[in-house]
Amino acid sequence: MKLTPKATIQIQKPIEEIFDGIVNPEKITRYFLSETSGWLEDGKELIWKFPEFPDYECIVNQVAIEQNRSISFVWDKETTVKISLEEQPDKSVIVRVEEKEKDINEANLKWLIENTEGWANFLACLKAYLEYGINLRKGAFEFMKKTTT
Protein backbone atom coordinates (compact mmCIF):
# COMPACT_ATOMS: atom_id res chain seq x y z
CA MET A 1 0.00 0.00 0.00
CA LYS A 2 1.20 3.50 -0.88
CA LEU A 3 0.25 7.00 0.26
CA THR A 4 -1.10 9.41 -2.37
CA PRO A 5 -2.27 12.93 -1.54
CA LYS A 6 -5.36 13.82 -3.61
CA ALA A 7 -7.85 16.68 -3.70
CA THR A 8 -10.74 17.44 -6.07
CA ILE A 9 -13.22 20.27 -6.60
CA GLN A 10 -15.74 21.37 -9.24
CA ILE A 11 -15.52 24.95 -10.51
CA GLN A 12 -18.25 26.78 -12.42
CA LYS A 13 -16.00 28.54 -14.93
CA PRO A 14 -14.75 27.77 -18.45
CA ILE A 15 -11.77 25.41 -18.60
CA GLU A 16 -9.61 28.11 -20.25
CA GLU A 17 -10.18 30.48 -17.30
CA ILE A 18 -9.29 27.82 -14.78
CA PHE A 19 -6.15 26.81 -16.64
CA ASP A 20 -5.07 30.46 -16.89
CA GLY A 21 -5.82 30.95 -13.20
CA ILE A 22 -3.25 28.26 -12.39
CA VAL A 23 -0.43 29.03 -14.87
CA ASN A 24 -0.65 32.84 -14.96
CA PRO A 25 1.59 34.49 -12.30
CA GLU A 26 -0.67 37.55 -12.04
CA LYS A 27 -3.61 35.33 -11.11
CA ILE A 28 -2.05 32.67 -8.86
CA THR A 29 -0.58 35.45 -6.70
CA ARG A 30 -4.09 36.79 -6.10
CA TYR A 31 -5.30 33.67 -4.31
CA PHE A 32 -2.44 31.29 -3.41
CA LEU A 33 1.16 32.49 -3.68
CA SER A 34 2.76 35.72 -2.54
CA GLU A 35 5.29 35.53 -5.40
CA THR A 36 6.25 33.39 -8.37
CA SER A 37 9.18 33.89 -10.70
CA GLY A 38 7.07 33.39 -13.83
CA TRP A 39 4.49 31.47 -15.81
CA LEU A 40 4.07 27.72 -15.42
CA GLU A 41 5.37 26.65 -18.83
CA ASP A 42 6.94 23.50 -20.29
CA GLY A 43 10.44 22.93 -18.98
CA LYS A 44 10.50 25.99 -16.72
CA GLU A 45 12.01 26.18 -13.25
CA LEU A 46 10.25 28.60 -10.92
CA ILE A 47 10.53 29.87 -7.38
CA TRP A 48 7.30 30.06 -5.40
CA LYS A 49 6.85 32.02 -2.18
CA PHE A 50 3.90 31.72 0.18
CA PRO A 51 2.40 34.60 2.17
CA GLU A 52 2.39 32.75 5.49
CA PHE A 53 6.01 31.57 5.16
CA PRO A 54 8.01 34.66 4.09
CA ASP A 55 11.40 32.98 4.56
CA TYR A 56 10.53 29.85 2.58
CA GLU A 57 11.05 29.39 -1.16
CA CYS A 58 9.79 26.39 -3.07
CA ILE A 59 11.58 25.33 -6.26
CA VAL A 60 9.16 24.12 -8.94
CA ASN A 61 10.73 22.38 -11.94
CA GLN A 62 10.19 19.78 -14.65
CA VAL A 63 7.01 21.60 -15.62
CA ALA A 64 4.91 19.82 -18.27
CA ILE A 65 1.82 21.48 -19.72
CA GLU A 66 -1.06 20.11 -21.75
CA GLN A 67 -3.08 23.23 -22.62
CA ASN A 68 -6.41 23.34 -20.77
CA ARG A 69 -6.01 19.70 -19.65
CA SER A 70 -3.13 19.20 -17.23
CA ILE A 71 -0.18 20.76 -15.46
CA SER A 72 2.52 18.72 -13.79
CA PHE A 73 5.68 19.68 -11.98
CA VAL A 74 8.16 18.51 -9.39
CA TRP A 75 8.61 20.32 -6.12
CA ASP A 76 10.45 19.64 -2.87
CA LYS A 77 13.07 17.82 -4.99
CA GLU A 78 11.11 14.56 -5.24
CA THR A 79 7.37 15.13 -5.32
CA THR A 80 5.57 15.10 -8.66
CA VAL A 81 2.29 17.02 -8.69
CA LYS A 82 -0.33 16.63 -11.41
CA ILE A 83 -3.27 18.99 -11.77
CA SER A 84 -5.93 17.69 -14.18
CA LEU A 85 -8.86 19.60 -15.64
CA GLU A 86 -11.94 17.72 -16.86
CA GLU A 87 -14.73 19.67 -18.53
CA GLN A 88 -18.25 18.52 -17.71
CA PRO A 89 -21.34 18.56 -19.99
CA ASP A 90 -22.59 21.73 -18.23
CA LYS A 91 -19.17 23.37 -18.95
CA SER A 92 -18.14 23.32 -15.30
CA VAL A 93 -14.74 21.75 -14.66
CA ILE A 94 -13.55 19.12 -12.22
CA VAL A 95 -10.05 20.00 -11.02
CA ARG A 96 -8.00 17.19 -9.51
CA VAL A 97 -4.63 17.42 -7.80
CA GLU A 98 -2.61 14.29 -7.13
CA GLU A 99 0.93 13.82 -5.90
CA LYS A 100 3.15 10.88 -6.68
CA GLU A 101 2.86 8.18 -4.05
CA LYS A 102 5.26 7.40 -1.23
CA ASP A 103 5.79 4.41 1.02
CA ILE A 104 3.97 4.18 4.32
CA ASN A 105 5.98 5.36 7.30
CA GLU A 106 5.49 7.93 10.05
CA ALA A 107 7.16 10.80 8.18
CA ASN A 108 5.17 10.10 5.02
CA LEU A 109 1.88 9.92 6.95
CA LYS A 110 2.57 13.47 8.16
CA TRP A 111 3.45 14.46 4.56
CA LEU A 112 0.19 12.91 3.28
CA ILE A 113 -1.94 14.83 5.75
CA GLU A 114 -0.18 18.16 5.23
CA ASN A 115 -0.12 17.96 1.44
CA THR A 116 -3.71 16.76 1.12
CA GLU A 117 -4.77 19.64 3.36
CA GLY A 118 -2.64 22.06 1.33
CA TRP A 119 -4.04 21.00 -2.03
CA ALA A 120 -7.63 21.10 -0.71
CA ASN A 121 -6.88 24.66 0.39
CA PHE A 122 -5.38 25.50 -3.02
CA LEU A 123 -8.53 24.24 -4.78
CA ALA A 124 -10.89 26.10 -2.44
CA CYS A 125 -8.86 29.28 -2.96
CA LEU A 126 -8.87 28.78 -6.75
CA LYS A 127 -12.67 28.32 -6.76
CA ALA A 128 -13.32 31.33 -4.50
CA TYR A 129 -11.05 33.55 -6.60
CA LEU A 130 -12.38 32.49 -10.01
CA GLU A 131 -16.07 32.33 -9.11
CA TYR A 132 -16.32 35.21 -6.60
CA GLY A 133 -13.10 37.27 -6.78
CA ILE A 134 -12.28 36.43 -3.16
CA ASN A 135 -8.80 35.70 -1.75
CA LEU A 136 -9.47 33.10 0.97
CA ARG A 137 -5.84 33.07 2.11
CA LYS A 138 -5.83 36.76 3.06
CA GLY A 139 -5.46 36.73 6.83
CA ALA A 140 -6.24 33.00 7.07
CA PHE A 141 -2.77 31.92 8.16
CA GLU A 142 -1.54 34.88 10.20
CA PHE A 143 -1.22 32.53 13.17
CA MET A 144 1.49 30.59 11.30
CA LYS A 145 3.80 33.55 10.78
CA LYS A 146 6.79 33.85 13.06
CA THR A 147 6.39 36.54 15.65
CA THR A 148 9.14 38.38 17.44
CA THR A 149 8.44 39.26 21.03
C-alpha atoms as a PDB file:
ATOM      1  CA  MET A   1       0.000   0.000   0.000  1.00  0.00           C
ATOM      2  CA  LYS A   2       1.202   3.499  -0.880  1.00  0.00           C
ATOM      3  CA  LEU A   3       0.253   6.999   0.263  1.00  0.00           C
ATOM      4  CA  THR A   4      -1.096   9.408  -2.374  1.00  0.00           C
ATOM      5  CA  PRO A   5      -2.269  12.934  -1.542  1.00  0.00           C
ATOM      6  CA  LYS A   6      -5.360  13.824  -3.614  1.00  0.00           C
ATOM      7  CA  ALA A   7      -7.849  16.685  -3.698  1.00  0.00           C
ATOM      8  CA  THR A   8     -10.742  17.436  -6.072  1.00  0.00           C
ATOM      9  CA  ILE A   9     -13.224  20.275  -6.600  1.00  0.00           C
ATOM     10  CA  GLN A  10     -15.737  21.373  -9.244  1.00  0.00           C
ATOM     11  CA  ILE A  11     -15.520  24.950 -10.511  1.00  0.00           C
ATOM     12  CA  GLN A  12     -18.246  26.783 -12.422  1.00  0.00           C
ATOM     13  CA  LYS A  13     -16.004  28.542 -14.930  1.00  0.00           C
ATOM     14  CA  PRO A  14     -14.747  27.773 -18.447  1.00  0.00           C
ATOM     15  CA  ILE A  15     -11.769  25.414 -18.604  1.00  0.00           C
ATOM     16  CA  GLU A  16      -9.606  28.107 -20.253  1.00  0.00           C
ATOM     17  CA  GLU A  17     -10.178  30.480 -17.303  1.00  0.00           C
ATOM     18  CA  ILE A  18      -9.290  27.816 -14.777  1.00  0.00           C
ATOM     19  CA  PHE A  19      -6.145  26.808 -16.643  1.00  0.00           C
ATOM     20  CA  ASP A  20      -5.069  30.457 -16.892  1.00  0.00           C
ATOM     21  CA  GLY A  21      -5.817  30.947 -13.198  1.00  0.00           C
ATOM     22  CA  ILE A  22      -3.249  28.265 -12.387  1.00  0.00           C
ATOM     23  CA  VAL A  23      -0.435  29.030 -14.871  1.00  0.00           C
ATOM     24  CA  ASN A  24      -0.650  32.836 -14.958  1.00  0.00           C
ATOM     25  CA  PRO A  25       1.586  34.489 -12.302  1.00  0.00           C
ATOM     26  CA  GLU A  26      -0.668  37.553 -12.045  1.00  0.00           C
ATOM     27  CA  LYS A  27      -3.610  35.331 -11.110  1.00  0.00           C
ATOM     28  CA  ILE A  28      -2.052  32.666  -8.863  1.00  0.00           C
ATOM     29  CA  THR A  29      -0.579  35.450  -6.695  1.00  0.00           C
ATOM     30  CA  ARG A  30      -4.092  36.791  -6.100  1.00  0.00           C
ATOM     31  CA  TYR A  31      -5.300  33.671  -4.314  1.00  0.00           C
ATOM     32  CA  PHE A  32      -2.443  31.285  -3.413  1.00  0.00           C
ATOM     33  CA  LEU A  33       1.164  32.485  -3.683  1.00  0.00           C
ATOM     34  CA  SER A  34       2.757  35.716  -2.536  1.00  0.00           C
ATOM     35  CA  GLU A  35       5.289  35.526  -5.401  1.00  0.00           C
ATOM     36  CA  THR A  36       6.248  33.387  -8.371  1.00  0.00           C
ATOM     37  CA  SER A  37       9.179  33.893 -10.699  1.00  0.00           C
ATOM     38  CA  GLY A  38       7.066  33.391 -13.828  1.00  0.00           C
ATOM     39  CA  TRP A  39       4.489  31.470 -15.807  1.00  0.00           C
ATOM     40  CA  LEU A  40       4.073  27.717 -15.419  1.00  0.00           C
ATOM     41  CA  GLU A  41       5.370  26.647 -18.835  1.00  0.00           C
ATOM     42  CA  ASP A  42       6.944  23.502 -20.286  1.00  0.00           C
ATOM     43  CA  GLY A  43      10.439  22.927 -18.984  1.00  0.00           C
ATOM     44  CA  LYS A  44      10.500  25.990 -16.722  1.00  0.00           C
ATOM     45  CA  GLU A  45      12.006  26.180 -13.250  1.00  0.00           C
ATOM     46  CA  LEU A  46      10.251  28.599 -10.916  1.00  0.00           C
ATOM     47  CA  ILE A  47      10.529  29.866  -7.385  1.00  0.00           C
ATOM     48  CA  TRP A  48       7.297  30.057  -5.405  1.00  0.00           C
ATOM     49  CA  LYS A  49       6.850  32.016  -2.181  1.00  0.00           C
ATOM     50  CA  PHE A  50       3.898  31.723   0.177  1.00  0.00           C
ATOM     51  CA  PRO A  51       2.398  34.604   2.175  1.00  0.00           C
ATOM     52  CA  GLU A  52       2.391  32.752   5.492  1.00  0.00           C
ATOM     53  CA  PHE A  53       6.013  31.569   5.159  1.00  0.00           C
ATOM     54  CA  PRO A  54       8.006  34.661   4.089  1.00  0.00           C
ATOM     55  CA  ASP A  55      11.402  32.984   4.560  1.00  0.00           C
ATOM     56  CA  TYR A  56      10.525  29.846   2.580  1.00  0.00           C
ATOM     57  CA  GLU A  57      11.053  29.393  -1.165  1.00  0.00           C
ATOM     58  CA  CYS A  58       9.789  26.388  -3.071  1.00  0.00           C
ATOM     59  CA  ILE A  59      11.580  25.330  -6.256  1.00  0.00           C
ATOM     60  CA  VAL A  60       9.164  24.118  -8.943  1.00  0.00           C
ATOM     61  CA  ASN A  61      10.730  22.383 -11.945  1.00  0.00           C
ATOM     62  CA  GLN A  62      10.188  19.780 -14.648  1.00  0.00           C
ATOM     63  CA  VAL A  63       7.009  21.597 -15.616  1.00  0.00           C
ATOM     64  CA  ALA A  64       4.908  19.820 -18.270  1.00  0.00           C
ATOM     65  CA  ILE A  65       1.821  21.484 -19.715  1.00  0.00           C
ATOM     66  CA  GLU A  66      -1.064  20.108 -21.751  1.00  0.00           C
ATOM     67  CA  GLN A  67      -3.079  23.229 -22.619  1.00  0.00           C
ATOM     68  CA  ASN A  68      -6.413  23.342 -20.770  1.00  0.00           C
ATOM     69  CA  ARG A  69      -6.009  19.698 -19.654  1.00  0.00           C
ATOM     70  CA  SER A  70      -3.126  19.200 -17.229  1.00  0.00           C
ATOM     71  CA  ILE A  71      -0.176  20.756 -15.464  1.00  0.00           C
ATOM     72  CA  SER A  72       2.516  18.716 -13.793  1.00  0.00           C
ATOM     73  CA  PHE A  73       5.683  19.676 -11.979  1.00  0.00           C
ATOM     74  CA  VAL A  74       8.165  18.508  -9.387  1.00  0.00           C
ATOM     75  CA  TRP A  75       8.608  20.316  -6.124  1.00  0.00           C
ATOM     76  CA  ASP A  76      10.449  19.639  -2.873  1.00  0.00           C
ATOM     77  CA  LYS A  77      13.071  17.819  -4.988  1.00  0.00           C
ATOM     78  CA  GLU A  78      11.112  14.556  -5.244  1.00  0.00           C
ATOM     79  CA  THR A  79       7.372  15.128  -5.321  1.00  0.00           C
ATOM     80  CA  THR A  80       5.570  15.102  -8.661  1.00  0.00           C
ATOM     81  CA  VAL A  81       2.290  17.017  -8.686  1.00  0.00           C
ATOM     82  CA  LYS A  82      -0.329  16.629 -11.412  1.00  0.00           C
ATOM     83  CA  ILE A  83      -3.270  18.993 -11.768  1.00  0.00           C
ATOM     84  CA  SER A  84      -5.925  17.686 -14.180  1.00  0.00           C
ATOM     85  CA  LEU A  85      -8.864  19.600 -15.637  1.00  0.00           C
ATOM     86  CA  GLU A  86     -11.942  17.723 -16.856  1.00  0.00           C
ATOM     87  CA  GLU A  87     -14.731  19.672 -18.533  1.00  0.00           C
ATOM     88  CA  GLN A  88     -18.252  18.515 -17.707  1.00  0.00           C
ATOM     89  CA  PRO A  89     -21.335  18.557 -19.994  1.00  0.00           C
ATOM     90  CA  ASP A  90     -22.586  21.725 -18.230  1.00  0.00           C
ATOM     91  CA  LYS A  91     -19.171  23.372 -18.952  1.00  0.00           C
ATOM     92  CA  SER A  92     -18.138  23.325 -15.301  1.00  0.00           C
ATOM     93  CA  VAL A  93     -14.743  21.748 -14.656  1.00  0.00           C
ATOM     94  CA  ILE A  94     -13.551  19.121 -12.217  1.00  0.00           C
ATOM     95  CA  VAL A  95     -10.051  19.997 -11.023  1.00  0.00           C
ATOM     96  CA  ARG A  96      -7.998  17.191  -9.507  1.00  0.00           C
ATOM     97  CA  VAL A  97      -4.634  17.418  -7.798  1.00  0.00           C
ATOM     98  CA  GLU A  98      -2.612  14.293  -7.130  1.00  0.00           C
ATOM     99  CA  GLU A  99       0.930  13.823  -5.903  1.00  0.00           C
ATOM    100  CA  LYS A 100       3.154  10.884  -6.677  1.00  0.00           C
ATOM    101  CA  GLU A 101       2.859   8.182  -4.051  1.00  0.00           C
ATOM    102  CA  LYS A 102       5.262   7.404  -1.234  1.00  0.00           C
ATOM    103  CA  ASP A 103       5.790   4.408   1.021  1.00  0.00           C
ATOM    104  CA  ILE A 104       3.968   4.181   4.323  1.00  0.00           C
ATOM    105  CA  ASN A 105       5.976   5.357   7.305  1.00  0.00           C
ATOM    106  CA  GLU A 106       5.486   7.929  10.049  1.00  0.00           C
ATOM    107  CA  ALA A 107       7.164  10.797   8.185  1.00  0.00           C
ATOM    108  CA  ASN A 108       5.172  10.103   5.023  1.00  0.00           C
ATOM    109  CA  LEU A 109       1.878   9.922   6.948  1.00  0.00           C
ATOM    110  CA  LYS A 110       2.570  13.471   8.156  1.00  0.00           C
ATOM    111  CA  TRP A 111       3.451  14.456   4.562  1.00  0.00           C
ATOM    112  CA  LEU A 112       0.188  12.906   3.276  1.00  0.00           C
ATOM    113  CA  ILE A 113      -1.944  14.826   5.752  1.00  0.00           C
ATOM    114  CA  GLU A 114      -0.180  18.157   5.234  1.00  0.00           C
ATOM    115  CA  ASN A 115      -0.115  17.956   1.443  1.00  0.00           C
ATOM    116  CA  THR A 116      -3.714  16.755   1.122  1.00  0.00           C
ATOM    117  CA  GLU A 117      -4.774  19.643   3.356  1.00  0.00           C
ATOM    118  CA  GLY A 118      -2.636  22.058   1.335  1.00  0.00           C
ATOM    119  CA  TRP A 119      -4.043  20.995  -2.030  1.00  0.00           C
ATOM    120  CA  ALA A 120      -7.629  21.102  -0.714  1.00  0.00           C
ATOM    121  CA  ASN A 121      -6.884  24.664   0.391  1.00  0.00           C
ATOM    122  CA  PHE A 122      -5.380  25.496  -3.018  1.00  0.00           C
ATOM    123  CA  LEU A 123      -8.529  24.236  -4.780  1.00  0.00           C
ATOM    124  CA  ALA A 124     -10.886  26.099  -2.438  1.00  0.00           C
ATOM    125  CA  CYS A 125      -8.860  29.277  -2.965  1.00  0.00           C
ATOM    126  CA  LEU A 126      -8.874  28.781  -6.755  1.00  0.00           C
ATOM    127  CA  LYS A 127     -12.668  28.320  -6.760  1.00  0.00           C
ATOM    128  CA  ALA A 128     -13.315  31.326  -4.503  1.00  0.00           C
ATOM    129  CA  TYR A 129     -11.053  33.547  -6.599  1.00  0.00           C
ATOM    130  CA  LEU A 130     -12.378  32.487 -10.006  1.00  0.00           C
ATOM    131  CA  GLU A 131     -16.070  32.332  -9.112  1.00  0.00           C
ATOM    132  CA  TYR A 132     -16.318  35.211  -6.604  1.00  0.00           C
ATOM    133  CA  GLY A 133     -13.104  37.274  -6.781  1.00  0.00           C
ATOM    134  CA  ILE A 134     -12.276  36.432  -3.162  1.00  0.00           C
ATOM    135  CA  ASN A 135      -8.805  35.703  -1.750  1.00  0.00           C
ATOM    136  CA  LEU A 136      -9.474  33.098   0.965  1.00  0.00           C
ATOM    137  CA  ARG A 137      -5.839  33.070   2.115  1.00  0.00           C
ATOM    138  CA  LYS A 138      -5.828  36.760   3.057  1.00  0.00           C
ATOM    139  CA  GLY A 139      -5.464  36.731   6.832  1.00  0.00           C
ATOM    140  CA  ALA A 140      -6.237  33.001   7.075  1.00  0.00           C
ATOM    141  CA  PHE A 141      -2.768  31.918   8.163  1.00  0.00           C
ATOM    142  CA  GLU A 142      -1.537  34.879  10.202  1.00  0.00           C
ATOM    143  CA  PHE A 143      -1.218  32.532  13.173  1.00  0.00           C
ATOM    144  CA  MET A 144       1.489  30.589  11.300  1.00  0.00           C
ATOM    145  CA  LYS A 145       3.803  33.551  10.776  1.00  0.00           C
ATOM    146  CA  LYS A 146       6.790  33.848  13.060  1.00  0.00           C
ATOM    147  CA  THR A 147       6.390  36.540  15.653  1.00  0.00           C
ATOM    148  CA  THR A 148       9.142  38.379  17.439  1.00  0.00           C
ATOM    149  CA  THR A 149       8.443  39.263  21.027  1.00  0.00           C
END
